[in-house]
Structure formats: structure tokens, C-alpha cells
């Protein structure tokens, strides 16, 4: 199956595979440099201390969205030529919850676990082992999971079509939402860090002074 880039640039199969490897290596390098190869940094988003995951993912989404919208307007890469998977609300909701739970417990998502595993982190290698076990279990039980996986079928759904607005309006709304999200998480980070940095006040009744402790020993 050829992707839109290879169709536009008329790549042959060897060139397509080479580009895929180079893009994958670059993506992994960028994730590692962003700190996504450490579970502690990734899990910090759930504690409100570090929202780099949200910032990087939202930036990637908005960048890709603007790029695709521009290419579509110029007629270089029509959105209709891009393969979009059908929406299955039930199966994708359950799958999203499972992936989210695994992210919270393990501290990685599938992509970042590979980045951390290549870096030699043992917890990431164990996480990758869990992915392989889960994938094998789903594959072997595909018939049993089929009703759930296909539940809530909606077909090909685009956000602006679902909201009954033009694609330009939706692009602007998503970009505006991203800016608002960046501002909001910045405030949350400052509040949480200020609370963690604040000195803990301990009353005199909880920790007696040395003089009081000495006087108590003399009386006893």
C-alpha cells in the first residue's frame, strides 16, 4: 500500500522503504531529545507537573493539520486521497481506555517504549514484552473480540463534517483550542510546582524544640 507522499513524488518501493526508515529514526531521535524516553517525564502529566506530552502532541497535530489543509487548498494533496480508517466508536473507546490505563501504569505508550527500549531501559523492555503479549492475545482471540471491535461503526468521519462546519472553521477552532490548552497547562504547572516548592510548616506541638525535649527528659 503506497502512501500519499510516494504517490506525489513517484517513489519506487526501495526509496519508499529508505525514507520510512530515515523518518522513523528521526522521529525516535526527536522523542528521545524531548525526554520521551523516560517514564518519569511521561507520567508527570498525570500529576500536573510536566505537560510536555500534551505540548508536543498538540504541536504535532496542529502542524500536520495546517500542512494538510494548505496542501489541500493548493490542490497538491487532496484530503480525499488520504486513507482514513473508519470510526468504530465502541471498540475505539474501549481500546483508548486500555491504552490510557497502560500508559498510566507503565509510564510509556507503544512508541515511546521502543525509544526507551533502544536506549537500554529495562522497564521499557518489560513494557514492550507486555505489548507483545497483549497483541498475541488479541490476535488469537480475534473472533471473540470482533463484535466489540466493530461496534459503533460510523464509517469515515472527519471532524468538520461531524460538526457541520467548513474545514477552515474547524482548523481555526482546533488551533485556537491548542493555544488555550498551552496557556492553561502552563498555569497548572506553575501552581503545582509552587505548591511542591513551598516549605512545609510544622507546628511546635508536632516537633518539640530541643529545650522542651531536654526539660521533658529531666522531669521524667
N, C-alpha and C. Protein backbone atom coordinates (compact mmCIF):
# COMPACT_ATOMS: atom_id res chain seq x y z
N UNK A 1 0.85 -1.19 0.00
CA UNK A 1 0.00 0.00 0.00
C UNK A 1 0.88 1.24 0.00
N UNK A 2 0.74 2.11 -0.99
CA UNK A 2 1.55 3.31 -1.10
C UNK A 2 0.85 4.48 -0.42
N UNK A 3 1.67 5.31 0.24
CA UNK A 3 1.13 6.47 0.90
C UNK A 3 1.09 7.66 -0.03
N UNK A 4 0.45 8.74 0.37
CA UNK A 4 0.33 9.93 -0.48
C UNK A 4 1.67 10.52 -0.89
N UNK A 5 2.67 10.52 0.01
CA UNK A 5 3.97 11.11 -0.32
C UNK A 5 4.61 10.36 -1.48
N UNK A 6 4.57 9.06 -1.44
CA UNK A 6 5.19 8.28 -2.51
C UNK A 6 4.43 8.44 -3.82
N UNK A 7 3.13 8.66 -3.74
CA UNK A 7 2.35 8.87 -4.96
C UNK A 7 2.67 10.21 -5.59
N UNK A 8 2.78 11.25 -4.75
CA UNK A 8 3.04 12.59 -5.27
C UNK A 8 4.45 12.67 -5.86
N UNK A 9 5.43 12.11 -5.14
CA UNK A 9 6.82 12.19 -5.57
C UNK A 9 7.24 11.02 -6.45
N UNK A 10 6.31 10.09 -6.67
CA UNK A 10 6.56 8.93 -7.54
C UNK A 10 7.77 8.13 -7.06
N UNK A 11 7.75 7.80 -5.78
CA UNK A 11 8.81 6.97 -5.20
C UNK A 11 8.64 5.53 -5.66
N UNK A 12 9.77 4.86 -5.87
CA UNK A 12 9.74 3.42 -6.02
C UNK A 12 9.72 2.76 -4.66
N UNK A 13 9.54 1.45 -4.63
CA UNK A 13 9.46 0.75 -3.34
C UNK A 13 10.74 0.89 -2.52
N UNK A 14 11.94 0.70 -3.12
CA UNK A 14 13.17 0.86 -2.31
C UNK A 14 13.29 2.25 -1.70
N UNK A 15 12.99 3.29 -2.52
CA UNK A 15 13.08 4.66 -2.00
C UNK A 15 12.07 4.89 -0.89
N UNK A 16 10.87 4.31 -1.03
CA UNK A 16 9.84 4.46 -0.01
C UNK A 16 10.28 3.83 1.30
N UNK A 17 10.88 2.64 1.23
CA UNK A 17 11.35 1.97 2.44
C UNK A 17 12.49 2.75 3.09
N UNK A 18 13.40 3.30 2.29
CA UNK A 18 14.52 4.07 2.84
C UNK A 18 14.01 5.32 3.55
N UNK A 19 13.08 6.02 2.91
CA UNK A 19 12.51 7.21 3.54
C UNK A 19 11.80 6.86 4.84
N UNK A 20 11.09 5.73 4.84
CA UNK A 20 10.39 5.29 6.05
C UNK A 20 11.36 5.05 7.20
N UNK A 21 12.49 4.40 6.91
CA UNK A 21 13.49 4.13 7.95
C UNK A 21 14.09 5.44 8.46
N UNK A 22 14.43 6.35 7.55
CA UNK A 22 15.03 7.62 7.95
C UNK A 22 14.06 8.47 8.77
N UNK A 23 12.79 8.50 8.35
CA UNK A 23 11.79 9.25 9.10
C UNK A 23 11.58 8.63 10.48
N UNK A 24 11.56 7.30 10.54
CA UNK A 24 11.41 6.63 11.83
C UNK A 24 12.56 6.91 12.77
N UNK A 25 13.79 6.89 12.23
CA UNK A 25 14.96 7.20 13.07
C UNK A 25 14.91 8.64 13.55
N UNK A 26 14.54 9.54 12.66
CA UNK A 26 14.43 10.94 13.06
C UNK A 26 13.37 11.16 14.11
N UNK A 27 12.24 10.46 13.95
CA UNK A 27 11.16 10.59 14.92
C UNK A 27 11.60 10.07 16.29
N UNK A 28 12.28 8.92 16.30
CA UNK A 28 12.76 8.37 17.56
C UNK A 28 13.78 9.27 18.22
N UNK A 29 14.68 9.87 17.42
CA UNK A 29 15.67 10.80 17.96
C UNK A 29 14.99 12.02 18.59
N UNK A 30 13.98 12.54 17.89
CA UNK A 30 13.26 13.70 18.41
C UNK A 30 12.56 13.37 19.72
N UNK A 31 11.95 12.18 19.81
CA UNK A 31 11.28 11.78 21.04
C UNK A 31 12.27 11.67 22.20
N UNK A 32 13.43 11.10 21.92
CA UNK A 32 14.44 10.95 22.97
C UNK A 32 14.94 12.32 23.43
N UNK A 33 15.18 13.23 22.49
CA UNK A 33 15.65 14.56 22.85
C UNK A 33 14.60 15.35 23.61
N UNK A 34 13.33 15.05 23.36
CA UNK A 34 12.24 15.73 24.06
C UNK A 34 12.01 15.16 25.45
N UNK A 35 12.74 14.10 25.80
CA UNK A 35 12.58 13.49 27.12
C UNK A 35 11.52 12.41 27.16
N UNK A 36 11.06 11.96 25.99
CA UNK A 36 10.00 10.95 25.95
C UNK A 36 10.53 9.53 26.11
N UNK A 37 11.84 9.40 26.31
CA UNK A 37 12.39 8.08 26.55
C UNK A 37 12.50 7.75 28.02
N UNK A 38 11.92 8.59 28.87
CA UNK A 38 11.95 8.40 30.32
C UNK A 38 10.53 8.36 30.86
N UNK A 39 10.18 7.27 31.50
CA UNK A 39 8.81 7.11 32.01
C UNK A 39 8.44 8.19 33.00
N UNK A 40 9.42 8.67 33.76
CA UNK A 40 9.14 9.69 34.78
C UNK A 40 8.61 10.97 34.13
N UNK A 41 9.20 11.34 33.00
CA UNK A 41 8.73 12.55 32.30
C UNK A 41 7.34 12.35 31.72
N UNK A 42 7.08 11.17 31.21
CA UNK A 42 5.78 10.91 30.59
C UNK A 42 4.67 10.83 31.64
N UNK A 43 4.96 10.18 32.76
CA UNK A 43 3.94 10.02 33.80
C UNK A 43 3.66 11.33 34.53
N UNK A 44 4.58 12.31 34.42
CA UNK A 44 4.40 13.57 35.15
C UNK A 44 3.16 14.33 34.71
N UNK A 45 2.69 14.07 33.49
CA UNK A 45 1.49 14.77 33.00
C UNK A 45 0.28 14.42 33.85
N UNK A 46 0.24 13.22 34.39
CA UNK A 46 -0.91 12.80 35.20
C UNK A 46 -0.90 13.42 36.60
N UNK A 47 0.25 13.99 36.98
CA UNK A 47 0.37 14.65 38.28
C UNK A 47 0.35 16.17 38.15
N UNK A 48 0.25 16.67 36.91
CA UNK A 48 0.20 18.10 36.69
C UNK A 48 1.53 18.81 36.80
N UNK A 49 2.63 18.05 36.82
CA UNK A 49 3.95 18.67 37.00
C UNK A 49 4.60 19.04 35.67
N UNK A 50 4.33 18.27 34.63
CA UNK A 50 5.04 18.46 33.36
C UNK A 50 4.10 18.05 32.22
N UNK A 51 3.72 19.00 31.39
CA UNK A 51 2.78 18.74 30.31
C UNK A 51 3.48 18.72 28.94
N UNK A 52 4.73 18.28 28.92
CA UNK A 52 5.45 18.25 27.65
C UNK A 52 4.79 17.29 26.67
N UNK A 53 4.16 16.22 27.18
CA UNK A 53 3.47 15.28 26.29
C UNK A 53 2.34 15.99 25.55
N UNK A 54 1.53 16.74 26.29
CA UNK A 54 0.44 17.46 25.65
C UNK A 54 0.96 18.50 24.67
N UNK A 55 2.02 19.22 25.05
CA UNK A 55 2.54 20.25 24.16
C UNK A 55 3.08 19.67 22.86
N UNK A 56 3.86 18.60 22.98
CA UNK A 56 4.45 18.00 21.78
C UNK A 56 3.37 17.40 20.88
N UNK A 57 2.42 16.68 21.49
CA UNK A 57 1.39 16.03 20.68
C UNK A 57 0.47 17.05 20.03
N UNK A 58 0.09 18.08 20.77
CA UNK A 58 -0.79 19.11 20.20
C UNK A 58 -0.06 19.88 19.10
N UNK A 59 1.23 20.15 19.31
CA UNK A 59 2.01 20.84 18.29
C UNK A 59 2.09 20.00 17.01
N UNK A 60 2.29 18.70 17.18
CA UNK A 60 2.34 17.81 16.01
C UNK A 60 1.00 17.77 15.29
N UNK A 61 -0.08 17.72 16.06
CA UNK A 61 -1.42 17.67 15.46
C UNK A 61 -1.71 18.94 14.68
N UNK A 62 -1.43 20.10 15.31
CA UNK A 62 -1.72 21.38 14.64
C UNK A 62 -0.83 21.56 13.42
N UNK A 63 0.45 21.18 13.52
CA UNK A 63 1.36 21.30 12.38
C UNK A 63 0.89 20.45 11.21
N UNK A 64 0.55 19.19 11.49
CA UNK A 64 0.07 18.31 10.43
C UNK A 64 -1.25 18.82 9.86
N UNK A 65 -2.12 19.32 10.72
CA UNK A 65 -3.41 19.82 10.27
C UNK A 65 -3.25 21.01 9.33
N UNK A 66 -2.41 21.96 9.72
CA UNK A 66 -2.19 23.13 8.88
C UNK A 66 -1.52 22.75 7.56
N UNK A 67 -0.57 21.81 7.64
CA UNK A 67 0.09 21.37 6.42
C UNK A 67 -0.86 20.68 5.45
N UNK A 68 -1.68 19.78 5.97
CA UNK A 68 -2.65 19.08 5.11
C UNK A 68 -3.69 20.03 4.55
N UNK A 69 -4.13 20.98 5.38
CA UNK A 69 -5.13 21.95 4.92
C UNK A 69 -4.55 22.81 3.79
N UNK A 70 -3.30 23.23 3.96
CA UNK A 70 -2.66 24.03 2.92
C UNK A 70 -2.45 23.25 1.64
N UNK A 71 -2.00 22.00 1.74
CA UNK A 71 -1.79 21.17 0.56
C UNK A 71 -3.11 20.88 -0.15
N UNK A 72 -4.17 20.73 0.65
CA UNK A 72 -5.49 20.50 0.05
C UNK A 72 -5.97 21.75 -0.70
N UNK A 73 -5.78 22.93 -0.11
CA UNK A 73 -6.19 24.17 -0.77
C UNK A 73 -5.42 24.39 -2.07
N UNK A 74 -4.13 24.02 -2.08
CA UNK A 74 -3.30 24.20 -3.27
C UNK A 74 -3.54 23.12 -4.32
N UNK A 75 -4.30 22.10 -3.95
CA UNK A 75 -4.58 21.01 -4.88
C UNK A 75 -3.43 20.03 -5.04
N UNK A 76 -2.41 20.13 -4.18
CA UNK A 76 -1.27 19.23 -4.27
C UNK A 76 -1.60 17.87 -3.68
N UNK A 77 -2.29 17.88 -2.56
CA UNK A 77 -2.62 16.63 -1.87
C UNK A 77 -4.05 16.71 -1.35
N UNK A 78 -5.03 16.37 -2.16
CA UNK A 78 -6.42 16.43 -1.70
C UNK A 78 -6.66 15.48 -0.52
N UNK A 79 -7.46 15.93 0.42
CA UNK A 79 -7.77 15.10 1.59
C UNK A 79 -8.43 13.79 1.19
N UNK A 80 -9.14 13.82 0.07
CA UNK A 80 -9.82 12.60 -0.38
C UNK A 80 -8.84 11.51 -0.78
N UNK A 81 -7.56 11.87 -1.04
CA UNK A 81 -6.57 10.88 -1.45
C UNK A 81 -5.89 10.23 -0.25
N UNK A 82 -6.17 10.72 0.95
CA UNK A 82 -5.53 10.18 2.15
C UNK A 82 -6.41 9.10 2.76
N UNK A 83 -5.80 7.97 3.02
CA UNK A 83 -6.55 6.88 3.64
C UNK A 83 -6.87 7.17 5.09
N UNK A 84 -8.12 7.18 5.44
CA UNK A 84 -8.56 7.42 6.82
C UNK A 84 -9.36 6.21 7.28
N UNK A 85 -8.97 5.66 8.40
CA UNK A 85 -9.65 4.49 8.92
C UNK A 85 -11.07 4.82 9.34
N UNK A 86 -11.94 3.85 9.19
CA UNK A 86 -13.33 4.03 9.64
C UNK A 86 -13.38 4.17 11.16
N UNK A 87 -14.41 4.84 11.61
CA UNK A 87 -14.61 5.03 13.05
C UNK A 87 -15.52 3.94 13.60
N UNK A 88 -15.07 3.31 14.67
CA UNK A 88 -15.87 2.33 15.41
C UNK A 88 -15.89 2.81 16.86
N UNK A 89 -16.93 3.55 17.21
CA UNK A 89 -16.96 4.26 18.48
C UNK A 89 -16.78 3.33 19.69
N UNK A 90 -17.47 2.21 19.70
CA UNK A 90 -17.40 1.31 20.85
C UNK A 90 -16.02 0.71 21.02
N UNK A 91 -15.50 0.11 19.96
CA UNK A 91 -14.19 -0.54 20.04
C UNK A 91 -13.08 0.45 20.32
N UNK A 92 -13.14 1.62 19.69
CA UNK A 92 -12.08 2.61 19.89
C UNK A 92 -12.15 3.25 21.27
N UNK A 93 -13.34 3.35 21.83
CA UNK A 93 -13.46 3.87 23.19
C UNK A 93 -12.82 2.90 24.19
N UNK A 94 -13.13 1.63 24.06
CA UNK A 94 -12.55 0.63 24.96
C UNK A 94 -11.04 0.54 24.75
N UNK A 95 -10.61 0.55 23.48
CA UNK A 95 -9.18 0.50 23.20
C UNK A 95 -8.45 1.70 23.75
N UNK A 96 -9.05 2.88 23.63
CA UNK A 96 -8.42 4.09 24.16
C UNK A 96 -8.28 4.04 25.67
N UNK A 97 -9.30 3.53 26.34
CA UNK A 97 -9.23 3.41 27.80
C UNK A 97 -8.14 2.42 28.23
N UNK A 98 -8.02 1.32 27.49
CA UNK A 98 -6.99 0.33 27.81
C UNK A 98 -5.59 0.89 27.58
N UNK A 99 -5.41 1.59 26.46
CA UNK A 99 -4.11 2.20 26.19
C UNK A 99 -3.79 3.26 27.24
N UNK A 100 -4.79 4.05 27.63
CA UNK A 100 -4.57 5.06 28.66
C UNK A 100 -4.21 4.45 30.00
N UNK A 101 -4.89 3.37 30.35
CA UNK A 101 -4.57 2.68 31.62
C UNK A 101 -3.15 2.12 31.58
N UNK A 102 -2.78 1.54 30.44
CA UNK A 102 -1.42 1.03 30.30
C UNK A 102 -0.38 2.13 30.38
N UNK A 103 -0.72 3.29 29.83
CA UNK A 103 0.18 4.44 29.89
C UNK A 103 0.40 4.87 31.33
N UNK A 104 -0.69 4.94 32.10
CA UNK A 104 -0.58 5.37 33.49
C UNK A 104 0.23 4.37 34.31
N UNK A 105 -0.05 3.08 34.14
CA UNK A 105 0.62 2.04 34.94
C UNK A 105 2.08 1.89 34.53
N UNK A 106 2.33 1.82 33.20
CA UNK A 106 3.68 1.54 32.73
C UNK A 106 4.53 2.77 32.47
N UNK A 107 3.90 3.92 32.29
CA UNK A 107 4.65 5.13 32.04
C UNK A 107 5.08 5.33 30.60
N UNK A 108 4.65 4.46 29.70
CA UNK A 108 5.01 4.56 28.29
C UNK A 108 3.78 4.33 27.42
N UNK A 109 3.86 4.83 26.17
CA UNK A 109 2.95 4.40 25.13
C UNK A 109 3.77 3.49 24.21
N UNK A 110 3.16 2.82 23.24
CA UNK A 110 3.94 1.90 22.40
C UNK A 110 5.16 2.54 21.75
N UNK A 111 5.00 3.75 21.18
CA UNK A 111 6.12 4.39 20.50
C UNK A 111 7.24 4.77 21.44
N UNK A 112 6.91 5.40 22.56
CA UNK A 112 7.95 5.83 23.50
C UNK A 112 8.62 4.64 24.19
N UNK A 113 7.93 3.52 24.32
CA UNK A 113 8.56 2.34 24.92
C UNK A 113 9.67 1.82 24.01
N UNK A 114 9.48 1.90 22.69
CA UNK A 114 10.52 1.47 21.76
C UNK A 114 11.73 2.40 21.85
N UNK A 115 11.46 3.71 21.92
CA UNK A 115 12.55 4.69 22.06
C UNK A 115 13.35 4.41 23.33
N UNK A 116 12.64 4.21 24.44
CA UNK A 116 13.32 3.95 25.71
C UNK A 116 14.00 2.57 25.70
N UNK A 117 13.39 1.59 25.04
CA UNK A 117 13.98 0.27 24.96
C UNK A 117 15.28 0.28 24.19
N UNK A 118 15.32 1.04 23.09
CA UNK A 118 16.56 1.18 22.32
C UNK A 118 17.64 1.85 23.17
N UNK A 119 17.22 2.70 24.09
CA UNK A 119 18.17 3.37 24.99
C UNK A 119 18.65 2.43 26.09
N UNK A 120 18.08 1.24 26.17
CA UNK A 120 18.53 0.25 27.14
C UNK A 120 17.81 0.28 28.47
N UNK A 121 16.64 0.91 28.55
CA UNK A 121 15.90 0.97 29.81
C UNK A 121 15.13 -0.34 30.02
N UNK A 122 15.35 -0.96 31.18
CA UNK A 122 14.76 -2.26 31.47
C UNK A 122 13.24 -2.17 31.57
N UNK A 123 12.72 -1.12 32.21
CA UNK A 123 11.27 -1.01 32.35
C UNK A 123 10.59 -0.91 30.99
N UNK A 124 11.24 -0.25 30.03
CA UNK A 124 10.67 -0.14 28.69
C UNK A 124 10.66 -1.49 27.99
N UNK A 125 11.71 -2.28 28.20
CA UNK A 125 11.76 -3.61 27.58
C UNK A 125 10.65 -4.50 28.15
N UNK A 126 10.39 -4.39 29.45
CA UNK A 126 9.29 -5.14 30.06
C UNK A 126 7.95 -4.66 29.51
N UNK A 127 7.83 -3.35 29.32
CA UNK A 127 6.60 -2.79 28.75
C UNK A 127 6.39 -3.32 27.33
N UNK A 128 7.46 -3.38 26.53
CA UNK A 128 7.35 -3.92 25.18
C UNK A 128 6.94 -5.38 25.21
N UNK A 129 7.44 -6.12 26.21
CA UNK A 129 7.01 -7.50 26.36
C UNK A 129 5.52 -7.61 26.63
N UNK A 130 5.01 -6.68 27.44
CA UNK A 130 3.57 -6.66 27.69
C UNK A 130 2.77 -6.36 26.44
N UNK A 131 3.30 -5.46 25.57
CA UNK A 131 2.63 -5.16 24.31
C UNK A 131 2.55 -6.41 23.43
N UNK A 132 3.65 -7.15 23.37
CA UNK A 132 3.68 -8.37 22.56
C UNK A 132 2.68 -9.40 23.08
N UNK A 133 2.61 -9.54 24.41
CA UNK A 133 1.66 -10.50 25.00
C UNK A 133 0.23 -10.07 24.70
N UNK A 134 -0.07 -8.78 24.88
CA UNK A 134 -1.41 -8.29 24.60
C UNK A 134 -1.78 -8.41 23.14
N UNK A 135 -0.83 -8.13 22.25
CA UNK A 135 -1.09 -8.25 20.81
C UNK A 135 -1.36 -9.70 20.43
N UNK A 136 -0.56 -10.61 21.00
CA UNK A 136 -0.77 -12.02 20.71
C UNK A 136 -2.13 -12.50 21.22
N UNK A 137 -2.52 -12.04 22.42
CA UNK A 137 -3.81 -12.44 22.98
C UNK A 137 -4.95 -11.93 22.12
N UNK A 138 -4.84 -10.69 21.63
CA UNK A 138 -5.89 -10.15 20.78
C UNK A 138 -5.95 -10.88 19.45
N UNK A 139 -4.78 -11.21 18.89
CA UNK A 139 -4.74 -11.91 17.61
C UNK A 139 -5.36 -13.29 17.72
N UNK A 140 -5.00 -14.01 18.77
CA UNK A 140 -5.53 -15.37 18.95
C UNK A 140 -7.03 -15.35 19.26
N UNK A 141 -7.49 -14.29 19.91
CA UNK A 141 -8.91 -14.20 20.25
C UNK A 141 -9.66 -13.24 19.36
N UNK A 142 -9.19 -13.05 18.13
CA UNK A 142 -9.78 -12.06 17.23
C UNK A 142 -11.26 -12.30 17.00
N UNK A 143 -11.65 -13.56 16.85
CA UNK A 143 -13.07 -13.86 16.61
C UNK A 143 -13.93 -13.45 17.81
N UNK A 144 -13.41 -13.69 19.00
CA UNK A 144 -14.18 -13.34 20.20
C UNK A 144 -14.27 -11.83 20.38
N UNK A 145 -13.22 -11.09 19.97
CA UNK A 145 -13.21 -9.64 20.13
C UNK A 145 -13.89 -8.92 18.97
N UNK A 146 -14.20 -9.62 17.90
CA UNK A 146 -14.74 -8.98 16.70
C UNK A 146 -16.00 -8.15 16.96
N UNK A 147 -16.99 -8.66 17.72
CA UNK A 147 -18.19 -7.84 17.95
C UNK A 147 -17.88 -6.51 18.63
N UNK A 148 -16.95 -6.52 19.59
CA UNK A 148 -16.57 -5.29 20.27
C UNK A 148 -15.81 -4.37 19.33
N UNK A 149 -14.89 -4.94 18.56
CA UNK A 149 -14.05 -4.13 17.67
C UNK A 149 -14.87 -3.41 16.61
N UNK A 150 -15.95 -4.03 16.18
CA UNK A 150 -16.77 -3.44 15.11
C UNK A 150 -17.99 -2.69 15.63
N UNK A 151 -18.13 -2.56 16.94
CA UNK A 151 -19.31 -1.90 17.49
C UNK A 151 -19.23 -0.39 17.29
N UNK A 152 -20.38 0.22 17.10
CA UNK A 152 -20.44 1.67 16.92
C UNK A 152 -19.85 2.13 15.61
N UNK A 153 -20.04 1.36 14.54
CA UNK A 153 -19.47 1.72 13.24
C UNK A 153 -20.06 3.02 12.72
N UNK A 154 -19.20 3.97 12.37
CA UNK A 154 -19.63 5.27 11.87
C UNK A 154 -19.15 5.55 10.45
N UNK A 155 -18.30 4.68 9.93
CA UNK A 155 -17.73 4.94 8.62
C UNK A 155 -16.60 5.95 8.71
N UNK A 156 -16.30 6.60 7.59
CA UNK A 156 -15.23 7.61 7.53
C UNK A 156 -15.76 8.93 8.08
N UNK A 157 -15.22 9.36 9.20
CA UNK A 157 -15.71 10.56 9.88
C UNK A 157 -14.60 11.60 9.94
N UNK A 158 -14.87 12.79 9.45
CA UNK A 158 -13.98 13.93 9.61
C UNK A 158 -14.61 14.91 10.58
N UNK A 159 -13.78 15.56 11.39
CA UNK A 159 -14.29 16.38 12.49
C UNK A 159 -15.18 17.51 11.99
N UNK A 160 -14.77 18.17 10.91
CA UNK A 160 -15.59 19.29 10.44
C UNK A 160 -16.92 18.82 9.85
N UNK A 161 -16.93 17.61 9.26
CA UNK A 161 -18.18 17.06 8.76
C UNK A 161 -19.10 16.69 9.92
N UNK A 162 -18.53 16.13 10.97
CA UNK A 162 -19.33 15.75 12.14
C UNK A 162 -19.95 16.98 12.80
N UNK A 163 -19.18 18.11 12.82
CA UNK A 163 -19.66 19.34 13.45
C UNK A 163 -20.48 20.21 12.49
N UNK A 164 -20.57 19.79 11.22
CA UNK A 164 -21.33 20.53 10.21
C UNK A 164 -20.82 21.96 10.03
N UNK A 165 -19.48 22.09 9.94
CA UNK A 165 -18.86 23.38 9.66
C UNK A 165 -17.85 23.17 8.55
N UNK A 166 -17.34 24.27 7.99
CA UNK A 166 -16.34 24.16 6.94
C UNK A 166 -15.01 23.72 7.54
N UNK A 167 -14.15 23.17 6.68
CA UNK A 167 -12.85 22.70 7.16
C UNK A 167 -12.01 23.86 7.68
N UNK A 168 -12.11 25.05 7.06
CA UNK A 168 -11.37 26.21 7.52
C UNK A 168 -11.76 26.63 8.92
N UNK A 169 -13.05 26.61 9.21
CA UNK A 169 -13.53 26.96 10.55
C UNK A 169 -13.01 25.97 11.58
N UNK A 170 -13.01 24.69 11.24
CA UNK A 170 -12.53 23.68 12.17
C UNK A 170 -11.03 23.79 12.40
N UNK A 171 -10.27 24.09 11.35
CA UNK A 171 -8.82 24.28 11.50
C UNK A 171 -8.55 25.43 12.46
N UNK A 172 -9.26 26.54 12.29
CA UNK A 172 -9.08 27.69 13.18
C UNK A 172 -9.48 27.34 14.61
N UNK A 173 -10.58 26.59 14.78
CA UNK A 173 -11.05 26.23 16.12
C UNK A 173 -10.05 25.33 16.84
N UNK A 174 -9.50 24.36 16.13
CA UNK A 174 -8.53 23.44 16.75
C UNK A 174 -7.25 24.20 17.12
N UNK A 175 -6.78 25.08 16.23
CA UNK A 175 -5.58 25.86 16.53
C UNK A 175 -5.81 26.76 17.74
N UNK A 176 -6.98 27.38 17.81
CA UNK A 176 -7.31 28.24 18.95
C UNK A 176 -7.40 27.43 20.24
N UNK A 177 -7.98 26.23 20.14
CA UNK A 177 -8.07 25.36 21.31
C UNK A 177 -6.68 24.96 21.80
N UNK A 178 -5.76 24.70 20.86
CA UNK A 178 -4.40 24.33 21.23
C UNK A 178 -3.72 25.46 21.99
N UNK A 179 -3.87 26.69 21.49
CA UNK A 179 -3.28 27.84 22.18
C UNK A 179 -3.85 27.98 23.59
N UNK A 180 -5.17 27.81 23.72
CA UNK A 180 -5.78 27.87 25.04
C UNK A 180 -5.30 26.77 25.96
N UNK A 181 -5.11 25.57 25.40
CA UNK A 181 -4.62 24.45 26.20
C UNK A 181 -3.20 24.71 26.68
N UNK A 182 -2.34 25.27 25.80
CA UNK A 182 -0.97 25.58 26.22
C UNK A 182 -0.97 26.59 27.37
N UNK A 183 -1.82 27.60 27.27
CA UNK A 183 -1.90 28.60 28.34
C UNK A 183 -2.39 27.97 29.64
N UNK A 184 -3.40 27.13 29.56
CA UNK A 184 -3.99 26.52 30.76
C UNK A 184 -3.00 25.59 31.45
N UNK A 185 -2.33 24.73 30.69
CA UNK A 185 -1.41 23.78 31.33
C UNK A 185 -0.19 24.51 31.89
N UNK A 186 0.19 25.64 31.28
CA UNK A 186 1.28 26.43 31.85
C UNK A 186 0.92 26.94 33.24
N UNK A 187 -0.30 27.40 33.41
CA UNK A 187 -0.75 27.86 34.73
C UNK A 187 -0.81 26.70 35.72
N UNK A 188 -1.28 25.54 35.26
CA UNK A 188 -1.35 24.38 36.15
C UNK A 188 0.04 23.98 36.61
N UNK A 189 1.00 23.95 35.68
CA UNK A 189 2.38 23.59 36.03
C UNK A 189 2.95 24.54 37.08
N UNK A 190 2.75 25.84 36.89
CA UNK A 190 3.29 26.82 37.85
C UNK A 190 2.65 26.65 39.22
N UNK A 191 1.35 26.37 39.25
CA UNK A 191 0.66 26.18 40.53
C UNK A 191 1.18 24.95 41.25
N UNK A 192 1.31 23.84 40.52
CA UNK A 192 1.76 22.59 41.14
C UNK A 192 3.20 22.71 41.61
N UNK A 193 4.06 23.32 40.79
CA UNK A 193 5.46 23.45 41.17
C UNK A 193 5.62 24.39 42.36
N UNK A 194 4.82 25.45 42.40
CA UNK A 194 4.88 26.36 43.55
C UNK A 194 4.45 25.65 44.82
N UNK A 195 3.45 24.80 44.71
CA UNK A 195 2.98 24.06 45.88
C UNK A 195 4.03 23.06 46.35
N UNK A 196 4.71 22.41 45.40
CA UNK A 196 5.74 21.45 45.77
C UNK A 196 6.97 22.14 46.37
N UNK A 197 7.25 23.37 45.91
CA UNK A 197 8.43 24.08 46.39
C UNK A 197 8.19 24.81 47.70
N UNK A 198 6.92 24.98 48.09
CA UNK A 198 6.61 25.72 49.32
C UNK A 198 7.11 24.95 50.53
N UNK A 199 7.71 25.64 51.51
CA UNK A 199 8.18 24.96 52.73
C UNK A 199 7.01 24.41 53.53
N UNK A 200 7.24 23.25 54.10
CA UNK A 200 6.20 22.62 54.93
C UNK A 200 6.32 23.13 56.36
N UNK A 201 5.25 23.77 56.83
CA UNK A 201 5.25 24.32 58.19
C UNK A 201 4.82 23.24 59.17
N UNK A 202 5.65 23.01 60.15
CA UNK A 202 5.37 22.00 61.17
C UNK A 202 5.21 22.72 62.51
N UNK A 203 4.07 22.53 63.12
CA UNK A 203 3.79 23.21 64.38
C UNK A 203 4.68 22.75 65.51
N UNK A 204 4.80 23.56 66.55
CA UNK A 204 5.66 23.19 67.70
C UNK A 204 5.17 21.96 68.43
N UNK A 205 3.87 21.70 68.36
CA UNK A 205 3.35 20.51 69.04
C UNK A 205 3.77 19.24 68.33
N UNK A 206 3.96 19.35 66.99
CA UNK A 206 4.32 18.16 66.23
C UNK A 206 5.80 17.83 66.40
N UNK A 207 6.67 18.84 66.39
CA UNK A 207 8.11 18.63 66.56
C UNK A 207 8.60 19.51 67.70
N UNK A 208 8.76 18.99 68.87
CA UNK A 208 9.17 19.82 70.01
C UNK A 208 10.59 20.32 69.83
N UNK A 209 10.88 21.49 70.41
CA UNK A 209 12.23 22.05 70.35
C UNK A 209 13.16 21.23 71.23
N UNK A 210 14.50 21.46 71.04
CA UNK A 210 15.48 20.71 71.83
C UNK A 210 15.35 21.05 73.33
N UNK A 211 15.07 22.33 73.63
CA UNK A 211 14.95 22.74 75.03
C UNK A 211 13.77 22.06 75.69
N UNK A 212 12.63 21.99 74.97
CA UNK A 212 11.46 21.35 75.54
C UNK A 212 11.70 19.85 75.72
N UNK A 213 12.39 19.25 74.76
CA UNK A 213 12.67 17.82 74.88
C UNK A 213 13.59 17.55 76.04
N UNK A 214 14.62 18.42 76.26
CA UNK A 214 15.54 18.23 77.39
C UNK A 214 14.81 18.40 78.70
N UNK A 215 13.90 19.40 78.78
CA UNK A 215 13.16 19.62 80.02
C UNK A 215 12.26 18.44 80.32
N UNK A 216 11.67 17.86 79.25
CA UNK A 216 10.80 16.71 79.48
C UNK A 216 11.59 15.52 79.98
N UNK A 217 12.82 15.33 79.48
CA UNK A 217 13.65 14.22 79.95
C UNK A 217 14.07 14.41 81.42
N UNK A 218 14.36 15.67 81.80
CA UNK A 218 14.78 15.94 83.19
C UNK A 218 13.66 15.69 84.17
N UNK A 219 12.43 16.00 83.77
CA UNK A 219 11.29 15.78 84.64
C UNK A 219 10.97 14.31 84.80
N UNK A 220 11.25 13.55 83.78
CA UNK A 220 10.98 12.12 83.84
C UNK A 220 12.08 11.39 84.59
